[in-house]
Amino acid sequence: MNDTPTSEFDARMAAVMKSFADGLPARIEALADSFSRVAVGGDDQLEALVSLQAVAHKLAGSAGTFGFPEISETAGSMEVICREAVDAYPAEINGHVDALRIALQPLINGAAADIVTDRYFPD
């Protein structure tokens, strides 16, 4: 039996997962940038919420696909908060912004980097 196709597949998957991990800082920065547009408020706050929901949705799905359940769960929580905020807008927007800030905090404080480091560079 030849293990080459499986080995090749495993190598390609590892490369794709590492590429995703390498791109996480940029994805998290995009999430934080989208959040900052929501937090500022103003005339485009609803549009910013919809944008943040889309960014969070993409990150939740891709992080789950590539084996980062903690990041997927956090982004998924943000997506749900955004959906609720859009549905209730403008009512309770300050509470939703606070909930989004709390959900985002671990990602921007380096928790995502710790998860990636632990996964790819264990002691």
C-alpha atoms as a PDB file:
ATOM      1  CA  MET A   1       0.000   0.000   0.000  1.00  0.00           C
ATOM      2  CA  ASN A   2       1.333   3.431  -0.942  1.00  0.00           C
ATOM      3  CA  ASP A   3       1.163   6.195   1.693  1.00  0.00           C
ATOM      4  CA  THR A   4       2.292   8.955  -0.665  1.00  0.00           C
ATOM      5  CA  PRO A   5      -1.159  10.442  -1.446  1.00  0.00           C
ATOM      6  CA  THR A   6      -2.045  10.606   2.251  1.00  0.00           C
ATOM      7  CA  SER A   7       1.337  12.056   3.140  1.00  0.00           C
ATOM      8  CA  GLU A   8       1.009  14.599   0.355  1.00  0.00           C
ATOM      9  CA  PHE A   9      -2.500  15.498   1.507  1.00  0.00           C
ATOM     10  CA  ASP A  10      -1.362  15.815   5.133  1.00  0.00           C
ATOM     11  CA  ALA A  11       1.521  18.044   4.084  1.00  0.00           C
ATOM     12  CA  ARG A  12      -0.779  20.263   2.026  1.00  0.00           C
ATOM     13  CA  MET A  13      -3.315  20.477   4.842  1.00  0.00           C
ATOM     14  CA  ALA A  14      -0.585  21.376   7.318  1.00  0.00           C
ATOM     15  CA  ALA A  15       0.591  24.129   4.968  1.00  0.00           C
ATOM     16  CA  VAL A  16      -2.960  25.480   4.564  1.00  0.00           C
ATOM     17  CA  MET A  17      -3.516  25.425   8.344  1.00  0.00           C
ATOM     18  CA  LYS A  18      -0.213  27.200   8.947  1.00  0.00           C
ATOM     19  CA  SER A  19      -1.115  29.784   6.314  1.00  0.00           C
ATOM     20  CA  PHE A  20      -4.432  30.375   8.078  1.00  0.00           C
ATOM     21  CA  ALA A  21      -2.642  30.681  11.419  1.00  0.00           C
ATOM     22  CA  ASP A  22      -0.126  33.118   9.931  1.00  0.00           C
ATOM     23  CA  GLY A  23      -3.026  35.248   8.655  1.00  0.00           C
ATOM     24  CA  LEU A  24      -4.887  35.312  11.975  1.00  0.00           C
ATOM     25  CA  PRO A  25      -3.368  38.613  13.167  1.00  0.00           C
ATOM     26  CA  ALA A  26      -4.676  40.349  10.031  1.00  0.00           C
ATOM     27  CA  ARG A  27      -8.096  38.731  10.408  1.00  0.00           C
ATOM     28  CA  ILE A  28      -8.305  39.773  14.039  1.00  0.00           C
ATOM     29  CA  GLU A  29      -7.191  43.285  13.115  1.00  0.00           C
ATOM     30  CA  ALA A  30      -9.995  43.426  10.528  1.00  0.00           C
ATOM     31  CA  LEU A  31     -12.435  42.315  13.226  1.00  0.00           C
ATOM     32  CA  ALA A  32     -11.131  44.998  15.604  1.00  0.00           C
ATOM     33  CA  ASP A  33     -11.314  47.660  12.870  1.00  0.00           C
ATOM     34  CA  SER A  34     -14.901  46.708  12.115  1.00  0.00           C
ATOM     35  CA  PHE A  35     -15.717  46.844  15.815  1.00  0.00           C
ATOM     36  CA  SER A  36     -14.183  50.315  16.139  1.00  0.00           C
ATOM     37  CA  ARG A  37     -16.533  51.577  13.413  1.00  0.00           C
ATOM     38  CA  VAL A  38     -19.458  50.221  15.435  1.00  0.00           C
ATOM     39  CA  ALA A  39     -18.174  51.672  18.718  1.00  0.00           C
ATOM     40  CA  VAL A  40     -17.773  55.157  17.259  1.00  0.00           C
ATOM     41  CA  GLY A  41     -21.447  55.279  16.386  1.00  0.00           C
ATOM     42  CA  GLY A  42     -22.707  57.837  13.933  1.00  0.00           C
ATOM     43  CA  ASP A  43     -24.835  57.625  10.831  1.00  0.00           C
ATOM     44  CA  ASP A  44     -23.171  54.475   9.513  1.00  0.00           C
ATOM     45  CA  GLN A  45     -23.343  52.462  12.747  1.00  0.00           C
ATOM     46  CA  LEU A  46     -25.956  50.042  11.422  1.00  0.00           C
ATOM     47  CA  GLU A  47     -23.909  49.462   8.273  1.00  0.00           C
ATOM     48  CA  ALA A  48     -20.837  48.916  10.474  1.00  0.00           C
ATOM     49  CA  LEU A  49     -22.753  46.327  12.531  1.00  0.00           C
ATOM     50  CA  VAL A  50     -23.692  44.423   9.393  1.00  0.00           C
ATOM     51  CA  SER A  51     -20.070  44.546   8.230  1.00  0.00           C
ATOM     52  CA  LEU A  52     -18.797  43.351  11.616  1.00  0.00           C
ATOM     53  CA  GLN A  53     -21.322  40.516  11.555  1.00  0.00           C
ATOM     54  CA  ALA A  54     -19.980  39.392   8.156  1.00  0.00           C
ATOM     55  CA  VAL A  55     -16.340  39.568   9.285  1.00  0.00           C
ATOM     56  CA  ALA A  56     -17.159  37.643  12.478  1.00  0.00           C
ATOM     57  CA  HIS A  57     -19.113  35.038  10.495  1.00  0.00           C
ATOM     58  CA  LYS A  58     -16.185  34.413   8.134  1.00  0.00           C
ATOM     59  CA  LEU A  59     -13.702  34.157  10.978  1.00  0.00           C
ATOM     60  CA  ALA A  60     -15.956  31.829  12.972  1.00  0.00           C
ATOM     61  CA  GLY A  61     -16.323  29.480  10.033  1.00  0.00           C
ATOM     62  CA  SER A  62     -12.731  29.455   8.894  1.00  0.00           C
ATOM     63  CA  ALA A  63     -11.294  29.173  12.408  1.00  0.00           C
ATOM     64  CA  GLY A  64     -13.537  26.190  13.062  1.00  0.00           C
ATOM     65  CA  THR A  65     -12.565  24.586   9.774  1.00  0.00           C
ATOM     66  CA  PHE A  66      -8.859  24.960  10.465  1.00  0.00           C
ATOM     67  CA  GLY A  67      -8.932  23.645  14.015  1.00  0.00           C
ATOM     68  CA  PHE A  68      -9.182  26.765  16.172  1.00  0.00           C
ATOM     69  CA  PRO A  69     -12.410  26.180  18.110  1.00  0.00           C
ATOM     70  CA  GLU A  70     -11.704  28.864  20.718  1.00  0.00           C
ATOM     71  CA  ILE A  71     -11.371  31.561  18.068  1.00  0.00           C
ATOM     72  CA  SER A  72     -14.358  30.179  16.187  1.00  0.00           C
ATOM     73  CA  GLU A  73     -16.491  30.309  19.325  1.00  0.00           C
ATOM     74  CA  THR A  74     -15.476  33.899  20.114  1.00  0.00           C
ATOM     75  CA  ALA A  75     -16.135  35.100  16.575  1.00  0.00           C
ATOM     76  CA  GLY A  76     -19.414  33.175  16.536  1.00  0.00           C
ATOM     77  CA  SER A  77     -20.478  34.916  19.745  1.00  0.00           C
ATOM     78  CA  MET A  78     -19.690  38.254  18.144  1.00  0.00           C
ATOM     79  CA  GLU A  79     -21.747  37.298  15.097  1.00  0.00           C
ATOM     80  CA  VAL A  80     -24.755  36.492  17.312  1.00  0.00           C
ATOM     81  CA  ILE A  81     -24.390  39.757  19.239  1.00  0.00           C
ATOM     82  CA  CYS A  82     -24.244  41.662  15.950  1.00  0.00           C
ATOM     83  CA  ARG A  83     -27.353  39.906  14.659  1.00  0.00           C
ATOM     84  CA  GLU A  84     -29.222  40.801  17.854  1.00  0.00           C
ATOM     85  CA  ALA A  85     -27.969  44.377  17.653  1.00  0.00           C
ATOM     86  CA  VAL A  86     -29.069  44.725  14.024  1.00  0.00           C
ATOM     87  CA  ASP A  87     -32.504  43.294  14.839  1.00  0.00           C
ATOM     88  CA  ALA A  88     -32.973  45.665  17.802  1.00  0.00           C
ATOM     89  CA  TYR A  89     -31.204  48.705  16.316  1.00  0.00           C
ATOM     90  CA  PRO A  90     -31.015  51.388  17.643  1.00  0.00           C
ATOM     91  CA  ALA A  91     -32.470  50.106  20.909  1.00  0.00           C
ATOM     92  CA  GLU A  92     -29.936  48.830  23.435  1.00  0.00           C
ATOM     93  CA  ILE A  93     -26.995  49.604  21.143  1.00  0.00           C
ATOM     94  CA  ASN A  94     -24.739  50.575  24.050  1.00  0.00           C
ATOM     95  CA  GLY A  95     -25.274  47.189  25.699  1.00  0.00           C
ATOM     96  CA  HIS A  96     -24.499  45.408  22.448  1.00  0.00           C
ATOM     97  CA  VAL A  97     -21.343  47.467  21.939  1.00  0.00           C
ATOM     98  CA  ASP A  98     -20.222  46.593  25.468  1.00  0.00           C
ATOM     99  CA  ALA A  99     -20.899  42.884  24.843  1.00  0.00           C
ATOM    100  CA  LEU A 100     -18.923  43.028  21.589  1.00  0.00           C
ATOM    101  CA  ARG A 101     -16.024  44.750  23.347  1.00  0.00           C
ATOM    102  CA  ILE A 102     -15.945  42.020  26.016  1.00  0.00           C
ATOM    103  CA  ALA A 103     -16.080  39.253  23.387  1.00  0.00           C
ATOM    104  CA  LEU A 104     -13.309  40.834  21.300  1.00  0.00           C
ATOM    105  CA  GLN A 105     -10.945  41.528  24.198  1.00  0.00           C
ATOM    106  CA  PRO A 106      -9.301  38.070  24.445  1.00  0.00           C
ATOM    107  CA  LEU A 107      -8.517  38.083  20.736  1.00  0.00           C
ATOM    108  CA  ILE A 108      -6.865  41.485  20.732  1.00  0.00           C
ATOM    109  CA  ASN A 109      -5.055  40.818  24.015  1.00  0.00           C
ATOM    110  CA  GLY A 110      -3.069  38.020  22.441  1.00  0.00           C
ATOM    111  CA  ALA A 111      -5.145  34.993  23.368  1.00  0.00           C
ATOM    112  CA  ALA A 112      -5.340  34.088  19.679  1.00  0.00           C
ATOM    113  CA  ALA A 113      -1.558  34.242  19.400  1.00  0.00           C
ATOM    114  CA  ASP A 114      -1.260  31.975  22.436  1.00  0.00           C
ATOM    115  CA  ILE A 115      -3.658  29.465  20.877  1.00  0.00           C
ATOM    116  CA  VAL A 116      -1.686  29.421  17.619  1.00  0.00           C
ATOM    117  CA  THR A 117       1.631  29.144  19.437  1.00  0.00           C
ATOM    118  CA  ASP A 118       0.373  26.282  21.578  1.00  0.00           C
ATOM    119  CA  ARG A 119      -0.971  24.476  18.526  1.00  0.00           C
ATOM    120  CA  TYR A 120       2.061  24.890  16.255  1.00  0.00           C
ATOM    121  CA  PHE A 121       4.938  25.342  18.650  1.00  0.00           C
ATOM    122  CA  PRO A 122       4.206  23.280  21.765  1.00  0.00           C
ATOM    123  CA  ASP A 123       6.868  23.035  24.447  1.00  0.00           C
END
